[in-house]
PDBML (XML) file of the C-alpha atoms, coordinates in Angstrom:
<?xml version="1.0" encoding="UTF-8" ?>
<PDBx:datablock datablockName="MODEL"
   xmlns:PDBx="http://pdbml.pdb.org/schema/pdbx-v50.xsd"
   xmlns:xsi="http://www.w3.org/2001/XMLSchema-instance"
   xsi:schemaLocation="http://pdbml.pdb.org/schema/pdbx-v50.xsd pdbx-v50.xsd">
   <PDBx:atom_siteCategory>
      <PDBx:atom_site id="1">
         <PDBx:B_iso_or_equiv>0.00</PDBx:B_iso_or_equiv>
         <PDBx:Cartn_x>-10.790</PDBx:Cartn_x>
         <PDBx:Cartn_y>15.668</PDBx:Cartn_y>
         <PDBx:Cartn_z>15.789</PDBx:Cartn_z>
         <PDBx:auth_asym_id>A</PDBx:auth_asym_id>
         <PDBx:auth_atom_id>CA</PDBx:auth_atom_id>
         <PDBx:auth_comp_id>UNK</PDBx:auth_comp_id>
         <PDBx:auth_seq_id>1</PDBx:auth_seq_id>
         <PDBx:group_PDB>ATOM</PDBx:group_PDB>
         <PDBx:label_alt_id xsi:nil="true" />
         <PDBx:label_asym_id>A</PDBx:label_asym_id>
         <PDBx:label_atom_id>CA</PDBx:label_atom_id>
         <PDBx:label_comp_id>UNK</PDBx:label_comp_id>
         <PDBx:label_entity_id>1</PDBx:label_entity_id>
         <PDBx:label_seq_id>1</PDBx:label_seq_id>
         <PDBx:occupancy>1.00</PDBx:occupancy>
         <PDBx:pdbx_PDB_model_num>1</PDBx:pdbx_PDB_model_num>
         <PDBx:type_symbol>C</PDBx:type_symbol>
      </PDBx:atom_site>
      <PDBx:atom_site id="2">
         <PDBx:B_iso_or_equiv>0.00</PDBx:B_iso_or_equiv>
         <PDBx:Cartn_x>-8.966</PDBx:Cartn_x>
         <PDBx:Cartn_y>16.399</PDBx:Cartn_y>
         <PDBx:Cartn_z>13.409</PDBx:Cartn_z>
         <PDBx:auth_asym_id>A</PDBx:auth_asym_id>
         <PDBx:auth_atom_id>CA</PDBx:auth_atom_id>
         <PDBx:auth_comp_id>UNK</PDBx:auth_comp_id>
         <PDBx:auth_seq_id>2</PDBx:auth_seq_id>
         <PDBx:group_PDB>ATOM</PDBx:group_PDB>
         <PDBx:label_alt_id xsi:nil="true" />
         <PDBx:label_asym_id>A</PDBx:label_asym_id>
         <PDBx:label_atom_id>CA</PDBx:label_atom_id>
         <PDBx:label_comp_id>UNK</PDBx:label_comp_id>
         <PDBx:label_entity_id>1</PDBx:label_entity_id>
         <PDBx:label_seq_id>2</PDBx:label_seq_id>
         <PDBx:occupancy>1.00</PDBx:occupancy>
         <PDBx:pdbx_PDB_model_num>1</PDBx:pdbx_PDB_model_num>
         <PDBx:type_symbol>C</PDBx:type_symbol>
      </PDBx:atom_site>
      <PDBx:atom_site id="3">
         <PDBx:B_iso_or_equiv>0.00</PDBx:B_iso_or_equiv>
         <PDBx:Cartn_x>-9.630</PDBx:Cartn_x>
         <PDBx:Cartn_y>14.223</PDBx:Cartn_y>
         <PDBx:Cartn_z>10.075</PDBx:Cartn_z>
         <PDBx:auth_asym_id>A</PDBx:auth_asym_id>
         <PDBx:auth_atom_id>CA</PDBx:auth_atom_id>
         <PDBx:auth_comp_id>UNK</PDBx:auth_comp_id>
         <PDBx:auth_seq_id>3</PDBx:auth_seq_id>
         <PDBx:group_PDB>ATOM</PDBx:group_PDB>
         <PDBx:label_alt_id xsi:nil="true" />
         <PDBx:label_asym_id>A</PDBx:label_asym_id>
         <PDBx:label_atom_id>CA</PDBx:label_atom_id>
         <PDBx:label_comp_id>UNK</PDBx:label_comp_id>
         <PDBx:label_entity_id>1</PDBx:label_entity_id>
         <PDBx:label_seq_id>3</PDBx:label_seq_id>
         <PDBx:occupancy>1.00</PDBx:occupancy>
         <PDBx:pdbx_PDB_model_num>1</PDBx:pdbx_PDB_model_num>
         <PDBx:type_symbol>C</PDBx:type_symbol>
      </PDBx:atom_site>
      <PDBx:atom_site id="4">
         <PDBx:B_iso_or_equiv>0.00</PDBx:B_iso_or_equiv>
         <PDBx:Cartn_x>-5.591</PDBx:Cartn_x>
         <PDBx:Cartn_y>11.729</PDBx:Cartn_y>
         <PDBx:Cartn_z>10.002</PDBx:Cartn_z>
         <PDBx:auth_asym_id>A</PDBx:auth_asym_id>
         <PDBx:auth_atom_id>CA</PDBx:auth_atom_id>
         <PDBx:auth_comp_id>UNK</PDBx:auth_comp_id>
         <PDBx:auth_seq_id>4</PDBx:auth_seq_id>
         <PDBx:group_PDB>ATOM</PDBx:group_PDB>
         <PDBx:label_alt_id xsi:nil="true" />
         <PDBx:label_asym_id>A</PDBx:label_asym_id>
         <PDBx:label_atom_id>CA</PDBx:label_atom_id>
         <PDBx:label_comp_id>UNK</PDBx:label_comp_id>
         <PDBx:label_entity_id>1</PDBx:label_entity_id>
         <PDBx:label_seq_id>4</PDBx:label_seq_id>
         <PDBx:occupancy>1.00</PDBx:occupancy>
         <PDBx:pdbx_PDB_model_num>1</PDBx:pdbx_PDB_model_num>
         <PDBx:type_symbol>C</PDBx:type_symbol>
      </PDBx:atom_site>
      <PDBx:atom_site id="5">
         <PDBx:B_iso_or_equiv>0.00</PDBx:B_iso_or_equiv>
         <PDBx:Cartn_x>-4.878</PDBx:Cartn_x>
         <PDBx:Cartn_y>9.560</PDBx:Cartn_y>
         <PDBx:Cartn_z>7.615</PDBx:Cartn_z>
         <PDBx:auth_asym_id>A</PDBx:auth_asym_id>
         <PDBx:auth_atom_id>CA</PDBx:auth_atom_id>
         <PDBx:auth_comp_id>UNK</PDBx:auth_comp_id>
         <PDBx:auth_seq_id>5</PDBx:auth_seq_id>
         <PDBx:group_PDB>ATOM</PDBx:group_PDB>
         <PDBx:label_alt_id xsi:nil="true" />
         <PDBx:label_asym_id>A</PDBx:label_asym_id>
         <PDBx:label_atom_id>CA</PDBx:label_atom_id>
         <PDBx:label_comp_id>UNK</PDBx:label_comp_id>
         <PDBx:label_entity_id>1</PDBx:label_entity_id>
         <PDBx:label_seq_id>5</PDBx:label_seq_id>
         <PDBx:occupancy>1.00</PDBx:occupancy>
         <PDBx:pdbx_PDB_model_num>1</PDBx:pdbx_PDB_model_num>
         <PDBx:type_symbol>C</PDBx:type_symbol>
      </PDBx:atom_site>
      <PDBx:atom_site id="6">
         <PDBx:B_iso_or_equiv>0.00</PDBx:B_iso_or_equiv>
         <PDBx:Cartn_x>-2.376</PDBx:Cartn_x>
         <PDBx:Cartn_y>7.057</PDBx:Cartn_y>
         <PDBx:Cartn_z>8.825</PDBx:Cartn_z>
         <PDBx:auth_asym_id>A</PDBx:auth_asym_id>
         <PDBx:auth_atom_id>CA</PDBx:auth_atom_id>
         <PDBx:auth_comp_id>UNK</PDBx:auth_comp_id>
         <PDBx:auth_seq_id>6</PDBx:auth_seq_id>
         <PDBx:group_PDB>ATOM</PDBx:group_PDB>
         <PDBx:label_alt_id xsi:nil="true" />
         <PDBx:label_asym_id>A</PDBx:label_asym_id>
         <PDBx:label_atom_id>CA</PDBx:label_atom_id>
         <PDBx:label_comp_id>UNK</PDBx:label_comp_id>
         <PDBx:label_entity_id>1</PDBx:label_entity_id>
         <PDBx:label_seq_id>6</PDBx:label_seq_id>
         <PDBx:occupancy>1.00</PDBx:occupancy>
         <PDBx:pdbx_PDB_model_num>1</PDBx:pdbx_PDB_model_num>
         <PDBx:type_symbol>C</PDBx:type_symbol>
      </PDBx:atom_site>
      <PDBx:atom_site id="7">
         <PDBx:B_iso_or_equiv>0.00</PDBx:B_iso_or_equiv>
         <PDBx:Cartn_x>-1.383</PDBx:Cartn_x>
         <PDBx:Cartn_y>4.850</PDBx:Cartn_y>
         <PDBx:Cartn_z>5.809</PDBx:Cartn_z>
         <PDBx:auth_asym_id>A</PDBx:auth_asym_id>
         <PDBx:auth_atom_id>CA</PDBx:auth_atom_id>
         <PDBx:auth_comp_id>UNK</PDBx:auth_comp_id>
         <PDBx:auth_seq_id>7</PDBx:auth_seq_id>
         <PDBx:group_PDB>ATOM</PDBx:group_PDB>
         <PDBx:label_alt_id xsi:nil="true" />
         <PDBx:label_asym_id>A</PDBx:label_asym_id>
         <PDBx:label_atom_id>CA</PDBx:label_atom_id>
         <PDBx:label_comp_id>UNK</PDBx:label_comp_id>
         <PDBx:label_entity_id>1</PDBx:label_entity_id>
         <PDBx:label_seq_id>7</PDBx:label_seq_id>
         <PDBx:occupancy>1.00</PDBx:occupancy>
         <PDBx:pdbx_PDB_model_num>1</PDBx:pdbx_PDB_model_num>
         <PDBx:type_symbol>C</PDBx:type_symbol>
      </PDBx:atom_site>
      <PDBx:atom_site id="8">
         <PDBx:B_iso_or_equiv>0.00</PDBx:B_iso_or_equiv>
         <PDBx:Cartn_x>-1.989</PDBx:Cartn_x>
         <PDBx:Cartn_y>5.811</PDBx:Cartn_y>
         <PDBx:Cartn_z>2.399</PDBx:Cartn_z>
         <PDBx:auth_asym_id>A</PDBx:auth_asym_id>
         <PDBx:auth_atom_id>CA</PDBx:auth_atom_id>
         <PDBx:auth_comp_id>UNK</PDBx:auth_comp_id>
         <PDBx:auth_seq_id>8</PDBx:auth_seq_id>
         <PDBx:group_PDB>ATOM</PDBx:group_PDB>
         <PDBx:label_alt_id xsi:nil="true" />
         <PDBx:label_asym_id>A</PDBx:label_asym_id>
         <PDBx:label_atom_id>CA</PDBx:label_atom_id>
         <PDBx:label_comp_id>UNK</PDBx:label_comp_id>
         <PDBx:label_entity_id>1</PDBx:label_entity_id>
         <PDBx:label_seq_id>8</PDBx:label_seq_id>
         <PDBx:occupancy>1.00</PDBx:occupancy>
         <PDBx:pdbx_PDB_model_num>1</PDBx:pdbx_PDB_model_num>
         <PDBx:type_symbol>C</PDBx:type_symbol>
      </PDBx:atom_site>
      <PDBx:atom_site id="9">
         <PDBx:B_iso_or_equiv>0.00</PDBx:B_iso_or_equiv>
         <PDBx:Cartn_x>-0.985</PDBx:Cartn_x>
         <PDBx:Cartn_y>3.096</PDBx:Cartn_y>
         <PDBx:Cartn_z>-0.029</PDBx:Cartn_z>
         <PDBx:auth_asym_id>A</PDBx:auth_asym_id>
         <PDBx:auth_atom_id>CA</PDBx:auth_atom_id>
         <PDBx:auth_comp_id>UNK</PDBx:auth_comp_id>
         <PDBx:auth_seq_id>9</PDBx:auth_seq_id>
         <PDBx:group_PDB>ATOM</PDBx:group_PDB>
         <PDBx:label_alt_id xsi:nil="true" />
         <PDBx:label_asym_id>A</PDBx:label_asym_id>
         <PDBx:label_atom_id>CA</PDBx:label_atom_id>
         <PDBx:label_comp_id>UNK</PDBx:label_comp_id>
         <PDBx:label_entity_id>1</PDBx:label_entity_id>
         <PDBx:label_seq_id>9</PDBx:label_seq_id>
         <PDBx:occupancy>1.00</PDBx:occupancy>
         <PDBx:pdbx_PDB_model_num>1</PDBx:pdbx_PDB_model_num>
         <PDBx:type_symbol>C</PDBx:type_symbol>
      </PDBx:atom_site>
      <PDBx:atom_site id="10">
         <PDBx:B_iso_or_equiv>0.00</PDBx:B_iso_or_equiv>
         <PDBx:Cartn_x>1.818</PDBx:Cartn_x>
         <PDBx:Cartn_y>3.950</PDBx:Cartn_y>
         <PDBx:Cartn_z>-1.771</PDBx:Cartn_z>
         <PDBx:auth_asym_id>A</PDBx:auth_asym_id>
         <PDBx:auth_atom_id>CA</PDBx:auth_atom_id>
         <PDBx:auth_comp_id>UNK</PDBx:auth_comp_id>
         <PDBx:auth_seq_id>10</PDBx:auth_seq_id>
         <PDBx:group_PDB>ATOM</PDBx:group_PDB>
         <PDBx:label_alt_id xsi:nil="true" />
         <PDBx:label_asym_id>A</PDBx:label_asym_id>
         <PDBx:label_atom_id>CA</PDBx:label_atom_id>
         <PDBx:label_comp_id>UNK</PDBx:label_comp_id>
         <PDBx:label_entity_id>1</PDBx:label_entity_id>
         <PDBx:label_seq_id>10</PDBx:label_seq_id>
         <PDBx:occupancy>1.00</PDBx:occupancy>
         <PDBx:pdbx_PDB_model_num>1</PDBx:pdbx_PDB_model_num>
         <PDBx:type_symbol>C</PDBx:type_symbol>
      </PDBx:atom_site>
      <PDBx:atom_site id="11">
         <PDBx:B_iso_or_equiv>0.00</PDBx:B_iso_or_equiv>
         <PDBx:Cartn_x>1.395</PDBx:Cartn_x>
         <PDBx:Cartn_y>0.771</PDBx:Cartn_y>
         <PDBx:Cartn_z>-3.256</PDBx:Cartn_z>
         <PDBx:auth_asym_id>A</PDBx:auth_asym_id>
         <PDBx:auth_atom_id>CA</PDBx:auth_atom_id>
         <PDBx:auth_comp_id>UNK</PDBx:auth_comp_id>
         <PDBx:auth_seq_id>11</PDBx:auth_seq_id>
         <PDBx:group_PDB>ATOM</PDBx:group_PDB>
         <PDBx:label_alt_id xsi:nil="true" />
         <PDBx:label_asym_id>A</PDBx:label_asym_id>
         <PDBx:label_atom_id>CA</PDBx:label_atom_id>
         <PDBx:label_comp_id>UNK</PDBx:label_comp_id>
         <PDBx:label_entity_id>1</PDBx:label_entity_id>
         <PDBx:label_seq_id>11</PDBx:label_seq_id>
         <PDBx:occupancy>1.00</PDBx:occupancy>
         <PDBx:pdbx_PDB_model_num>1</PDBx:pdbx_PDB_model_num>
         <PDBx:type_symbol>C</PDBx:type_symbol>
      </PDBx:atom_site>
      <PDBx:atom_site id="12">
         <PDBx:B_iso_or_equiv>0.00</PDBx:B_iso_or_equiv>
         <PDBx:Cartn_x>1.417</PDBx:Cartn_x>
         <PDBx:Cartn_y>-3.037</PDBx:Cartn_y>
         <PDBx:Cartn_z>-1.587</PDBx:Cartn_z>
         <PDBx:auth_asym_id>A</PDBx:auth_asym_id>
         <PDBx:auth_atom_id>CA</PDBx:auth_atom_id>
         <PDBx:auth_comp_id>UNK</PDBx:auth_comp_id>
         <PDBx:auth_seq_id>12</PDBx:auth_seq_id>
         <PDBx:group_PDB>ATOM</PDBx:group_PDB>
         <PDBx:label_alt_id xsi:nil="true" />
         <PDBx:label_asym_id>A</PDBx:label_asym_id>
         <PDBx:label_atom_id>CA</PDBx:label_atom_id>
         <PDBx:label_comp_id>UNK</PDBx:label_comp_id>
         <PDBx:label_entity_id>1</PDBx:label_entity_id>
         <PDBx:label_seq_id>12</PDBx:label_seq_id>
         <PDBx:occupancy>1.00</PDBx:occupancy>
         <PDBx:pdbx_PDB_model_num>1</PDBx:pdbx_PDB_model_num>
         <PDBx:type_symbol>C</PDBx:type_symbol>
      </PDBx:atom_site>
      <PDBx:atom_site id="13">
         <PDBx:B_iso_or_equiv>0.00</PDBx:B_iso_or_equiv>
         <PDBx:Cartn_x>4.032</PDBx:Cartn_x>
         <PDBx:Cartn_y>-5.238</PDBx:Cartn_y>
         <PDBx:Cartn_z>-0.305</PDBx:Cartn_z>
         <PDBx:auth_asym_id>A</PDBx:auth_asym_id>
         <PDBx:auth_atom_id>CA</PDBx:auth_atom_id>
         <PDBx:auth_comp_id>UNK</PDBx:auth_comp_id>
         <PDBx:auth_seq_id>13</PDBx:auth_seq_id>
         <PDBx:group_PDB>ATOM</PDBx:group_PDB>
         <PDBx:label_alt_id xsi:nil="true" />
         <PDBx:label_asym_id>A</PDBx:label_asym_id>
         <PDBx:label_atom_id>CA</PDBx:label_atom_id>
         <PDBx:label_comp_id>UNK</PDBx:label_comp_id>
         <PDBx:label_entity_id>1</PDBx:label_entity_id>
         <PDBx:label_seq_id>13</PDBx:label_seq_id>
         <PDBx:occupancy>1.00</PDBx:occupancy>
         <PDBx:pdbx_PDB_model_num>1</PDBx:pdbx_PDB_model_num>
         <PDBx:type_symbol>C</PDBx:type_symbol>
      </PDBx:atom_site>
      <PDBx:atom_site id="14">
         <PDBx:B_iso_or_equiv>0.00</PDBx:B_iso_or_equiv>
         <PDBx:Cartn_x>5.143</PDBx:Cartn_x>
         <PDBx:Cartn_y>-8.226</PDBx:Cartn_y>
         <PDBx:Cartn_z>-2.373</PDBx:Cartn_z>
         <PDBx:auth_asym_id>A</PDBx:auth_asym_id>
         <PDBx:auth_atom_id>CA</PDBx:auth_atom_id>
         <PDBx:auth_comp_id>UNK</PDBx:auth_comp_id>
         <PDBx:auth_seq_id>14</PDBx:auth_seq_id>
         <PDBx:group_PDB>ATOM</PDBx:group_PDB>
         <PDBx:label_alt_id xsi:nil="true" />
         <PDBx:label_asym_id>A</PDBx:label_asym_id>
         <PDBx:label_atom_id>CA</PDBx:label_atom_id>
         <PDBx:label_comp_id>UNK</PDBx:label_comp_id>
         <PDBx:label_entity_id>1</PDBx:label_entity_id>
         <PDBx:label_seq_id>14</PDBx:label_seq_id>
         <PDBx:occupancy>1.00</PDBx:occupancy>
         <PDBx:pdbx_PDB_model_num>1</PDBx:pdbx_PDB_model_num>
         <PDBx:type_symbol>C</PDBx:type_symbol>
      </PDBx:atom_site>
      <PDBx:atom_site id="15">
         <PDBx:B_iso_or_equiv>0.00</PDBx:B_iso_or_equiv>
         <PDBx:Cartn_x>4.998</PDBx:Cartn_x>
         <PDBx:Cartn_y>-11.581</PDBx:Cartn_y>
         <PDBx:Cartn_z>-0.979</PDBx:Cartn_z>
         <PDBx:auth_asym_id>A</PDBx:auth_asym_id>
         <PDBx:auth_atom_id>CA</PDBx:auth_atom_id>
         <PDBx:auth_comp_id>UNK</PDBx:auth_comp_id>
         <PDBx:auth_seq_id>15</PDBx:auth_seq_id>
         <PDBx:group_PDB>ATOM</PDBx:group_PDB>
         <PDBx:label_alt_id xsi:nil="true" />
         <PDBx:label_asym_id>A</PDBx:label_asym_id>
         <PDBx:label_atom_id>CA</PDBx:label_atom_id>
         <PDBx:label_comp_id>UNK</PDBx:label_comp_id>
         <PDBx:label_entity_id>1</PDBx:label_entity_id>
         <PDBx:label_seq_id>15</PDBx:label_seq_id>
         <PDBx:occupancy>1.00</PDBx:occupancy>
         <PDBx:pdbx_PDB_model_num>1</PDBx:pdbx_PDB_model_num>
         <PDBx:type_symbol>C</PDBx:type_symbol>
      </PDBx:atom_site>
      <PDBx:atom_site id="16">
         <PDBx:B_iso_or_equiv>0.00</PDBx:B_iso_or_equiv>
         <PDBx:Cartn_x>7.812</PDBx:Cartn_x>
         <PDBx:Cartn_y>-15.029</PDBx:Cartn_y>
         <PDBx:Cartn_z>-2.541</PDBx:Cartn_z>
         <PDBx:auth_asym_id>A</PDBx:auth_asym_id>
         <PDBx:auth_atom_id>CA</PDBx:auth_atom_id>
         <PDBx:auth_comp_id>UNK</PDBx:auth_comp_id>
         <PDBx:auth_seq_id>16</PDBx:auth_seq_id>
         <PDBx:group_PDB>ATOM</PDBx:group_PDB>
         <PDBx:label_alt_id xsi:nil="true" />
         <PDBx:label_asym_id>A</PDBx:label_asym_id>
         <PDBx:label_atom_id>CA</PDBx:label_atom_id>
         <PDBx:label_comp_id>UNK</PDBx:label_comp_id>
         <PDBx:label_entity_id>1</PDBx:label_entity_id>
         <PDBx:label_seq_id>16</PDBx:label_seq_id>
         <PDBx:occupancy>1.00</PDBx:occupancy>
         <PDBx:pdbx_PDB_model_num>1</PDBx:pdbx_PDB_model_num>
         <PDBx:type_symbol>C</PDBx:type_symbol>
      </PDBx:atom_site>
      <PDBx:atom_site id="17">
         <PDBx:B_iso_or_equiv>0.00</PDBx:B_iso_or_equiv>
         <PDBx:Cartn_x>5.687</PDBx:Cartn_x>
         <PDBx:Cartn_y>-17.102</PDBx:Cartn_y>
         <PDBx:Cartn_z>-5.509</PDBx:Cartn_z>
         <PDBx:auth_asym_id>A</PDBx:auth_asym_id>
         <PDBx:auth_atom_id>CA</PDBx:auth_atom_id>
         <PDBx:auth_comp_id>UNK</PDBx:auth_comp_id>
         <PDBx:auth_seq_id>17</PDBx:auth_seq_id>
         <PDBx:group_PDB>ATOM</PDBx:group_PDB>
         <PDBx:label_alt_id xsi:nil="true" />
         <PDBx:label_asym_id>A</PDBx:label_asym_id>
         <PDBx:label_atom_id>CA</PDBx:label_atom_id>
         <PDBx:label_comp_id>UNK</PDBx:label_comp_id>
         <PDBx:label_entity_id>1</PDBx:label_entity_id>
         <PDBx:label_seq_id>17</PDBx:label_seq_id>
         <PDBx:occupancy>1.00</PDBx:occupancy>
         <PDBx:pdbx_PDB_model_num>1</PDBx:pdbx_PDB_model_num>
         <PDBx:type_symbol>C</PDBx:type_symbol>
      </PDBx:atom_site>
      <PDBx:atom_site id="18">
         <PDBx:B_iso_or_equiv>0.00</PDBx:B_iso_or_equiv>
         <PDBx:Cartn_x>3.218</PDBx:Cartn_x>
         <PDBx:Cartn_y>-13.594</PDBx:Cartn_y>
         <PDBx:Cartn_z>-5.745</PDBx:Cartn_z>
         <PDBx:auth_asym_id>A</PDBx:auth_asym_id>
         <PDBx:auth_atom_id>CA</PDBx:auth_atom_id>
         <PDBx:auth_comp_id>UNK</PDBx:auth_comp_id>
         <PDBx:auth_seq_id>18</PDBx:auth_seq_id>
         <PDBx:group_PDB>ATOM</PDBx:group_PDB>
         <PDBx:label_alt_id xsi:nil="true" />
         <PDBx:label_asym_id>A</PDBx:label_asym_id>
         <PDBx:label_atom_id>CA</PDBx:label_atom_id>
         <PDBx:label_comp_id>UNK</PDBx:label_comp_id>
         <PDBx:label_entity_id>1</PDBx:label_entity_id>
         <PDBx:label_seq_id>18</PDBx:label_seq_id>
         <PDBx:occupancy>1.00</PDBx:occupancy>
         <PDBx:pdbx_PDB_model_num>1</PDBx:pdbx_PDB_model_num>
         <PDBx:type_symbol>C</PDBx:type_symbol>
      </PDBx:atom_site>
      <PDBx:atom_site id="19">
         <PDBx:B_iso_or_equiv>0.00</PDBx:B_iso_or_equiv>
         <PDBx:Cartn_x>3.376</PDBx:Cartn_x>
         <PDBx:Cartn_y>-10.927</PDBx:Cartn_y>
         <PDBx:Cartn_z>-8.878</PDBx:Cartn_z>
         <PDBx:auth_asym_id>A</PDBx:auth_asym_id>
         <PDBx:auth_atom_id>CA</PDBx:auth_atom_id>
         <PDBx:auth_comp_id>UNK</PDBx:auth_comp_id>
         <PDBx:auth_seq_id>19</PDBx:auth_seq_id>
         <PDBx:group_PDB>ATOM</PDBx:group_PDB>
         <PDBx:label_alt_id xsi:nil="true" />
         <PDBx:label_asym_id>A</PDBx:label_asym_id>
         <PDBx:label_atom_id>CA</PDBx:label_atom_id>
         <PDBx:label_comp_id>UNK</PDBx:label_comp_id>
         <PDBx:label_entity_id>1</PDBx:label_entity_id>
         <PDBx:label_seq_id>19</PDBx:label_seq_id>
         <PDBx:occupancy>1.00</PDBx:occupancy>
         <PDBx:pdbx_PDB_model_num>1</PDBx:pdbx_PDB_model_num>
         <PDBx:type_symbol>C</PDBx:type_symbol>
      </PDBx:atom_site>
      <PDBx:atom_site id="20">
         <PDBx:B_iso_or_equiv>0.00</PDBx:B_iso_or_equiv>
         <PDBx:Cartn_x>4.975</PDBx:Cartn_x>
         <PDBx:Cartn_y>-7.584</PDBx:Cartn_y>
         <PDBx:Cartn_z>-7.782</PDBx:Cartn_z>
         <PDBx:auth_asym_id>A</PDBx:auth_asym_id>
         <PDBx:auth_atom_id>CA</PDBx:auth_atom_id>
         <PDBx:auth_comp_id>UNK</PDBx:auth_comp_id>
         <PDBx:auth_seq_id>20</PDBx:auth_seq_id>
         <PDBx:group_PDB>ATOM</PDBx:group_PDB>
         <PDBx:label_alt_id xsi:nil="true" />
         <PDBx:label_asym_id>A</PDBx:label_asym_id>
         <PDBx:label_atom_id>CA</PDBx:label_atom_id>
         <PDBx:label_comp_id>UNK</PDBx:label_comp_id>
         <PDBx:label_entity_id>1</PDBx:label_entity_id>
         <PDBx:label_seq_id>20</PDBx:label_seq_id>
         <PDBx:occupancy>1.00</PDBx:occupancy>
         <PDBx:pdbx_PDB_model_num>1</PDBx:pdbx_PDB_model_num>
         <PDBx:type_symbol>C</PDBx:type_symbol>
      </PDBx:atom_site>
      <PDBx:atom_site id="21">
         <PDBx:B_iso_or_equiv>0.00</PDBx:B_iso_or_equiv>
         <PDBx:Cartn_x>1.941</PDBx:Cartn_x>
         <PDBx:Cartn_y>-5.018</PDBx:Cartn_y>
         <PDBx:Cartn_z>-6.744</PDBx:Cartn_z>
         <PDBx:auth_asym_id>A</PDBx:auth_asym_id>
         <PDBx:auth_atom_id>CA</PDBx:auth_atom_id>
         <PDBx:auth_comp_id>UNK</PDBx:auth_comp_id>
         <PDBx:auth_seq_id>21</PDBx:auth_seq_id>
         <PDBx:group_PDB>ATOM</PDBx:group_PDB>
         <PDBx:label_alt_id xsi:nil="true" />
         <PDBx:label_asym_id>A</PDBx:label_asym_id>
         <PDBx:label_atom_id>CA</PDBx:label_atom_id>
         <PDBx:label_comp_id>UNK</PDBx:label_comp_id>
         <PDBx:label_entity_id>1</PDBx:label_entity_id>
         <PDBx:label_seq_id>21</PDBx:label_seq_id>
         <PDBx:occupancy>1.00</PDBx:occupancy>
         <PDBx:pdbx_PDB_model_num>1</PDBx:pdbx_PDB_model_num>
         <PDBx:type_symbol>C</PDBx:type_symbol>
      </PDBx:atom_site>
      <PDBx:atom_site id="22">
         <PDBx:B_iso_or_equiv>0.00</PDBx:B_iso_or_equiv>
         <PDBx:Cartn_x>2.214</PDBx:Cartn_x>
         <PDBx:Cartn_y>-1.223</PDBx:Cartn_y>
         <PDBx:Cartn_z>-8.283</PDBx:Cartn_z>
         <PDBx:auth_asym_id>A</PDBx:auth_asym_id>
         <PDBx:auth_atom_id>CA</PDBx:auth_atom_id>
         <PDBx:auth_comp_id>UNK</PDBx:auth_comp_id>
         <PDBx:auth_seq_id>22</PDBx:auth_seq_id>
         <PDBx:group_PDB>ATOM</PDBx:group_PDB>
         <PDBx:label_alt_id xsi:nil="true" />
         <PDBx:label_asym_id>A</PDBx:label_asym_id>
         <PDBx:label_atom_id>CA</PDBx:label_atom_id>
         <PDBx:label_comp_id>UNK</PDBx:label_comp_id>
         <PDBx:label_entity_id>1</PDBx:label_entity_id>
         <PDBx:label_seq_id>22</PDBx:label_seq_id>
         <PDBx:occupancy>1.00</PDBx:occupancy>
         <PDBx:pdbx_PDB_model_num>1</PDBx:pdbx_PDB_model_num>
         <PDBx:type_symbol>C</PDBx:type_symbol>
      </PDBx:atom_site>
      <PDBx:atom_site id="23">
         <PDBx:B_iso_or_equiv>0.00</PDBx:B_iso_or_equiv>
         <PDBx:Cartn_x>-0.545</PDBx:Cartn_x>
         <PDBx:Cartn_y>1.170</PDBx:Cartn_y>
         <PDBx:Cartn_z>-7.456</PDBx:Cartn_z>
         <PDBx:auth_asym_id>A</PDBx:auth_asym_id>
         <PDBx:auth_atom_id>CA</PDBx:auth_atom_id>
         <PDBx:auth_comp_id>UNK</PDBx:auth_comp_id>
         <PDBx:auth_seq_id>23</PDBx:auth_seq_id>
         <PDBx:group_PDB>ATOM</PDBx:group_PDB>
         <PDBx:label_alt_id xsi:nil="true" />
         <PDBx:label_asym_id>A</PDBx:label_asym_id>
         <PDBx:label_atom_id>CA</PDBx:label_atom_id>
         <PDBx:label_comp_id>UNK</PDBx:label_comp_id>
         <PDBx:label_entity_id>1</PDBx:label_entity_id>
         <PDBx:label_seq_id>23</PDBx:label_seq_id>
         <PDBx:occupancy>1.00</PDBx:occupancy>
         <PDBx:pdbx_PDB_model_num>1</PDBx:pdbx_PDB_model_num>
         <PDBx:type_symbol>C</PDBx:type_symbol>
      </PDBx:atom_site>
      <PDBx:atom_site id="24">
         <PDBx:B_iso_or_equiv>0.00</PDBx:B_iso_or_equiv>
         <PDBx:Cartn_x>-0.891</PDBx:Cartn_x>
         <PDBx:Cartn_y>4.277</PDBx:Cartn_y>
         <PDBx:Cartn_z>-10.686</PDBx:Cartn_z>
         <PDBx:auth_asym_id>A</PDBx:auth_asym_id>
         <PDBx:auth_atom_id>CA</PDBx:auth_atom_id>
         <PDBx:auth_comp_id>UNK</PDBx:auth_comp_id>
         <PDBx:auth_seq_id>24</PDBx:auth_seq_id>
         <PDBx:group_PDB>ATOM</PDBx:group_PDB>
         <PDBx:label_alt_id xsi:nil="true" />
         <PDBx:label_asym_id>A</PDBx:label_asym_id>
         <PDBx:label_atom_id>CA</PDBx:label_atom_id>
         <PDBx:label_comp_id>UNK</PDBx:label_comp_id>
         <PDBx:label_entity_id>1</PDBx:label_entity_id>
         <PDBx:label_seq_id>24</PDBx:label_seq_id>
         <PDBx:occupancy>1.00</PDBx:occupancy>
         <PDBx:pdbx_PDB_model_num>1</PDBx:pdbx_PDB_model_num>
         <PDBx:type_symbol>C</PDBx:type_symbol>
      </PDBx:atom_site>
   </PDBx:atom_siteCategory>
</PDBx:datablock>
């Protein structure tokens, strides 16, 4: 089977009351 990455997280989701997320 091939090696597949279905979700390479480019950042993250935000939630009310939490900070804004960044991925360099």
